[in-house]
Amino acid sequence: MIAPDHLKVRTWERGAGLTRACGTAACASLVGAHRRGFAARAARVEMPGGPLQIHWADDDHVLMTGAVRTAFRGTVNLADMAHD
Protein backbone atom coordinates (compact mmCIF):
# COMPACT_ATOMS: atom_id res chain seq x y z
CA MET A 1 0.00 0.00 0.00
CA ILE A 2 1.35 3.36 -1.00
CA ALA A 3 -1.95 5.20 -0.43
CA PRO A 4 -5.66 4.27 -0.46
CA ASP A 5 -5.69 5.03 -4.20
CA HIS A 6 -2.24 3.65 -5.03
CA LEU A 7 -1.04 0.04 -4.66
CA LYS A 8 2.18 -1.66 -5.72
CA VAL A 9 2.00 -5.34 -6.71
CA ARG A 10 4.53 -7.99 -7.72
CA THR A 11 3.31 -11.33 -9.05
CA TRP A 12 5.01 -14.72 -8.94
CA GLU A 13 3.48 -17.33 -11.24
CA ARG A 14 4.31 -21.01 -10.87
CA GLY A 15 6.37 -22.15 -13.83
CA ALA A 16 7.09 -18.60 -14.97
CA GLY A 17 8.53 -16.90 -11.90
CA LEU A 18 8.27 -13.17 -11.36
CA THR A 19 6.08 -11.63 -14.05
CA ARG A 20 6.07 -8.09 -15.39
CA ALA A 21 2.31 -7.70 -14.94
CA CYS A 22 -0.87 -9.63 -14.18
CA GLY A 23 -4.28 -8.06 -14.63
CA THR A 24 -6.01 -10.68 -12.50
CA ALA A 25 -3.61 -10.04 -9.62
CA ALA A 26 -4.07 -6.27 -9.96
CA CYS A 27 -7.86 -6.62 -9.76
CA ALA A 28 -7.75 -9.10 -6.88
CA SER A 29 -5.28 -6.92 -4.96
CA LEU A 30 -7.56 -3.90 -5.18
CA VAL A 31 -10.67 -5.87 -4.14
CA GLY A 32 -8.83 -7.55 -1.26
CA ALA A 33 -7.30 -4.29 -0.04
CA HIS A 34 -10.68 -2.53 -0.20
CA ARG A 35 -12.48 -5.33 1.64
CA ARG A 36 -9.95 -5.01 4.46
CA GLY A 37 -10.35 -1.24 4.64
CA PHE A 38 -6.95 -0.35 3.19
CA ALA A 39 -7.94 0.97 -0.25
CA ALA A 40 -10.65 2.88 -2.05
CA ARG A 41 -12.80 1.16 -4.69
CA ALA A 42 -10.54 2.65 -7.39
CA ALA A 43 -6.76 2.79 -7.42
CA ARG A 44 -3.64 2.91 -9.56
CA VAL A 45 -1.92 -0.47 -9.28
CA GLU A 46 1.79 -0.36 -10.15
CA MET A 47 3.62 -3.44 -11.41
CA PRO A 48 7.10 -3.84 -12.98
CA GLY A 49 5.50 -3.84 -16.46
CA GLY A 50 3.61 -0.61 -15.85
CA PRO A 51 0.56 0.73 -14.04
CA LEU A 52 -3.09 -0.23 -14.40
CA GLN A 53 -6.11 1.71 -13.22
CA ILE A 54 -8.52 -0.62 -11.41
CA HIS A 55 -12.09 0.29 -10.42
CA TRP A 56 -14.42 -1.98 -8.43
CA ALA A 57 -17.86 -0.67 -9.40
CA ASP A 58 -20.90 -0.70 -7.10
CA ASP A 59 -22.44 -3.43 -9.30
CA ASP A 60 -19.40 -5.65 -8.41
CA HIS A 61 -17.83 -5.47 -11.88
CA VAL A 62 -14.08 -4.90 -11.73
CA LEU A 63 -12.82 -2.67 -14.54
CA MET A 64 -9.19 -2.48 -15.62
CA THR A 65 -7.63 0.10 -17.93
CA GLY A 66 -4.05 0.59 -18.98
CA ALA A 67 -1.52 0.30 -21.76
CA VAL A 68 -1.17 -2.87 -23.82
CA ARG A 69 2.19 -4.16 -25.04
CA THR A 70 3.35 -7.34 -26.78
CA ALA A 71 5.28 -9.41 -24.26
CA PHE A 72 6.17 -12.38 -26.47
CA ARG A 73 5.97 -13.45 -30.09
CA GLY A 74 6.56 -17.01 -31.25
CA THR A 75 5.40 -19.89 -33.41
CA VAL A 76 4.14 -23.36 -32.59
CA ASN A 77 4.48 -26.39 -34.83
CA LEU A 78 1.27 -28.31 -34.11
CA ALA A 79 2.73 -31.49 -35.62
CA ASP A 80 5.31 -31.53 -32.81
CA MET A 81 2.46 -31.55 -30.30
CA ALA A 82 0.58 -34.55 -31.77
CA HIS A 83 0.27 -37.59 -29.52
CA ASP A 84 0.77 -41.10 -30.88
C-alpha atoms as a PDB file:
ATOM      1  CA  MET A   1       0.000   0.000   0.000  1.00  0.00           C
ATOM      2  CA  ILE A   2       1.349   3.356  -1.000  1.00  0.00           C
ATOM      3  CA  ALA A   3      -1.953   5.204  -0.426  1.00  0.00           C
ATOM      4  CA  PRO A   4      -5.665   4.270  -0.462  1.00  0.00           C
ATOM      5  CA  ASP A   5      -5.694   5.026  -4.197  1.00  0.00           C
ATOM      6  CA  HIS A   6      -2.235   3.645  -5.031  1.00  0.00           C
ATOM      7  CA  LEU A   7      -1.042   0.041  -4.659  1.00  0.00           C
ATOM      8  CA  LYS A   8       2.178  -1.663  -5.720  1.00  0.00           C
ATOM      9  CA  VAL A   9       2.003  -5.342  -6.708  1.00  0.00           C
ATOM     10  CA  ARG A  10       4.529  -7.995  -7.719  1.00  0.00           C
ATOM     11  CA  THR A  11       3.307 -11.331  -9.047  1.00  0.00           C
ATOM     12  CA  TRP A  12       5.008 -14.718  -8.942  1.00  0.00           C
ATOM     13  CA  GLU A  13       3.476 -17.334 -11.240  1.00  0.00           C
ATOM     14  CA  ARG A  14       4.308 -21.011 -10.871  1.00  0.00           C
ATOM     15  CA  GLY A  15       6.373 -22.152 -13.831  1.00  0.00           C
ATOM     16  CA  ALA A  16       7.091 -18.596 -14.974  1.00  0.00           C
ATOM     17  CA  GLY A  17       8.532 -16.903 -11.904  1.00  0.00           C
ATOM     18  CA  LEU A  18       8.275 -13.166 -11.356  1.00  0.00           C
ATOM     19  CA  THR A  19       6.075 -11.633 -14.053  1.00  0.00           C
ATOM     20  CA  ARG A  20       6.071  -8.092 -15.393  1.00  0.00           C
ATOM     21  CA  ALA A  21       2.314  -7.705 -14.938  1.00  0.00           C
ATOM     22  CA  CYS A  22      -0.866  -9.628 -14.177  1.00  0.00           C
ATOM     23  CA  GLY A  23      -4.284  -8.056 -14.631  1.00  0.00           C
ATOM     24  CA  THR A  24      -6.008 -10.684 -12.503  1.00  0.00           C
ATOM     25  CA  ALA A  25      -3.608 -10.043  -9.622  1.00  0.00           C
ATOM     26  CA  ALA A  26      -4.068  -6.275  -9.958  1.00  0.00           C
ATOM     27  CA  CYS A  27      -7.857  -6.619  -9.765  1.00  0.00           C
ATOM     28  CA  ALA A  28      -7.752  -9.105  -6.881  1.00  0.00           C
ATOM     29  CA  SER A  29      -5.281  -6.920  -4.961  1.00  0.00           C
ATOM     30  CA  LEU A  30      -7.564  -3.896  -5.185  1.00  0.00           C
ATOM     31  CA  VAL A  31     -10.672  -5.870  -4.139  1.00  0.00           C
ATOM     32  CA  GLY A  32      -8.833  -7.552  -1.260  1.00  0.00           C
ATOM     33  CA  ALA A  33      -7.301  -4.287  -0.044  1.00  0.00           C
ATOM     34  CA  HIS A  34     -10.677  -2.527  -0.201  1.00  0.00           C
ATOM     35  CA  ARG A  35     -12.485  -5.331   1.642  1.00  0.00           C
ATOM     36  CA  ARG A  36      -9.949  -5.008   4.457  1.00  0.00           C
ATOM     37  CA  GLY A  37     -10.352  -1.237   4.636  1.00  0.00           C
ATOM     38  CA  PHE A  38      -6.946  -0.350   3.185  1.00  0.00           C
ATOM     39  CA  ALA A  39      -7.937   0.966  -0.251  1.00  0.00           C
ATOM     40  CA  ALA A  40     -10.651   2.880  -2.049  1.00  0.00           C
ATOM     41  CA  ARG A  41     -12.796   1.163  -4.690  1.00  0.00           C
ATOM     42  CA  ALA A  42     -10.537   2.651  -7.385  1.00  0.00           C
ATOM     43  CA  ALA A  43      -6.756   2.795  -7.418  1.00  0.00           C
ATOM     44  CA  ARG A  44      -3.642   2.906  -9.555  1.00  0.00           C
ATOM     45  CA  VAL A  45      -1.917  -0.475  -9.284  1.00  0.00           C
ATOM     46  CA  GLU A  46       1.787  -0.364 -10.145  1.00  0.00           C
ATOM     47  CA  MET A  47       3.623  -3.439 -11.415  1.00  0.00           C
ATOM     48  CA  PRO A  48       7.095  -3.843 -12.975  1.00  0.00           C
ATOM     49  CA  GLY A  49       5.504  -3.839 -16.456  1.00  0.00           C
ATOM     50  CA  GLY A  50       3.609  -0.614 -15.848  1.00  0.00           C
ATOM     51  CA  PRO A  51       0.561   0.731 -14.042  1.00  0.00           C
ATOM     52  CA  LEU A  52      -3.085  -0.233 -14.398  1.00  0.00           C
ATOM     53  CA  GLN A  53      -6.109   1.707 -13.222  1.00  0.00           C
ATOM     54  CA  ILE A  54      -8.523  -0.623 -11.407  1.00  0.00           C
ATOM     55  CA  HIS A  55     -12.094   0.287 -10.421  1.00  0.00           C
ATOM     56  CA  TRP A  56     -14.420  -1.980  -8.430  1.00  0.00           C
ATOM     57  CA  ALA A  57     -17.864  -0.668  -9.397  1.00  0.00           C
ATOM     58  CA  ASP A  58     -20.896  -0.701  -7.099  1.00  0.00           C
ATOM     59  CA  ASP A  59     -22.436  -3.429  -9.304  1.00  0.00           C
ATOM     60  CA  ASP A  60     -19.399  -5.646  -8.407  1.00  0.00           C
ATOM     61  CA  HIS A  61     -17.831  -5.466 -11.880  1.00  0.00           C
ATOM     62  CA  VAL A  62     -14.082  -4.897 -11.729  1.00  0.00           C
ATOM     63  CA  LEU A  63     -12.819  -2.673 -14.541  1.00  0.00           C
ATOM     64  CA  MET A  64      -9.189  -2.480 -15.623  1.00  0.00           C
ATOM     65  CA  THR A  65      -7.633   0.103 -17.927  1.00  0.00           C
ATOM     66  CA  GLY A  66      -4.047   0.593 -18.982  1.00  0.00           C
ATOM     67  CA  ALA A  67      -1.519   0.303 -21.762  1.00  0.00           C
ATOM     68  CA  VAL A  68      -1.167  -2.867 -23.824  1.00  0.00           C
ATOM     69  CA  ARG A  69       2.192  -4.161 -25.036  1.00  0.00           C
ATOM     70  CA  THR A  70       3.347  -7.336 -26.777  1.00  0.00           C
ATOM     71  CA  ALA A  71       5.280  -9.412 -24.265  1.00  0.00           C
ATOM     72  CA  PHE A  72       6.169 -12.378 -26.470  1.00  0.00           C
ATOM     73  CA  ARG A  73       5.973 -13.446 -30.087  1.00  0.00           C
ATOM     74  CA  GLY A  74       6.564 -17.006 -31.246  1.00  0.00           C
ATOM     75  CA  THR A  75       5.403 -19.886 -33.406  1.00  0.00           C
ATOM     76  CA  VAL A  76       4.139 -23.357 -32.595  1.00  0.00           C
ATOM     77  CA  ASN A  77       4.479 -26.388 -34.831  1.00  0.00           C
ATOM     78  CA  LEU A  78       1.271 -28.309 -34.113  1.00  0.00           C
ATOM     79  CA  ALA A  79       2.730 -31.492 -35.618  1.00  0.00           C
ATOM     80  CA  ASP A  80       5.308 -31.529 -32.812  1.00  0.00           C
ATOM     81  CA  MET A  81       2.455 -31.552 -30.299  1.00  0.00           C
ATOM     82  CA  ALA A  82       0.583 -34.548 -31.768  1.00  0.00           C
ATOM     83  CA  HIS A  83       0.273 -37.586 -29.516  1.00  0.00           C
ATOM     84  CA  ASP A  84       0.767 -41.101 -30.881  1.00  0.00           C
END
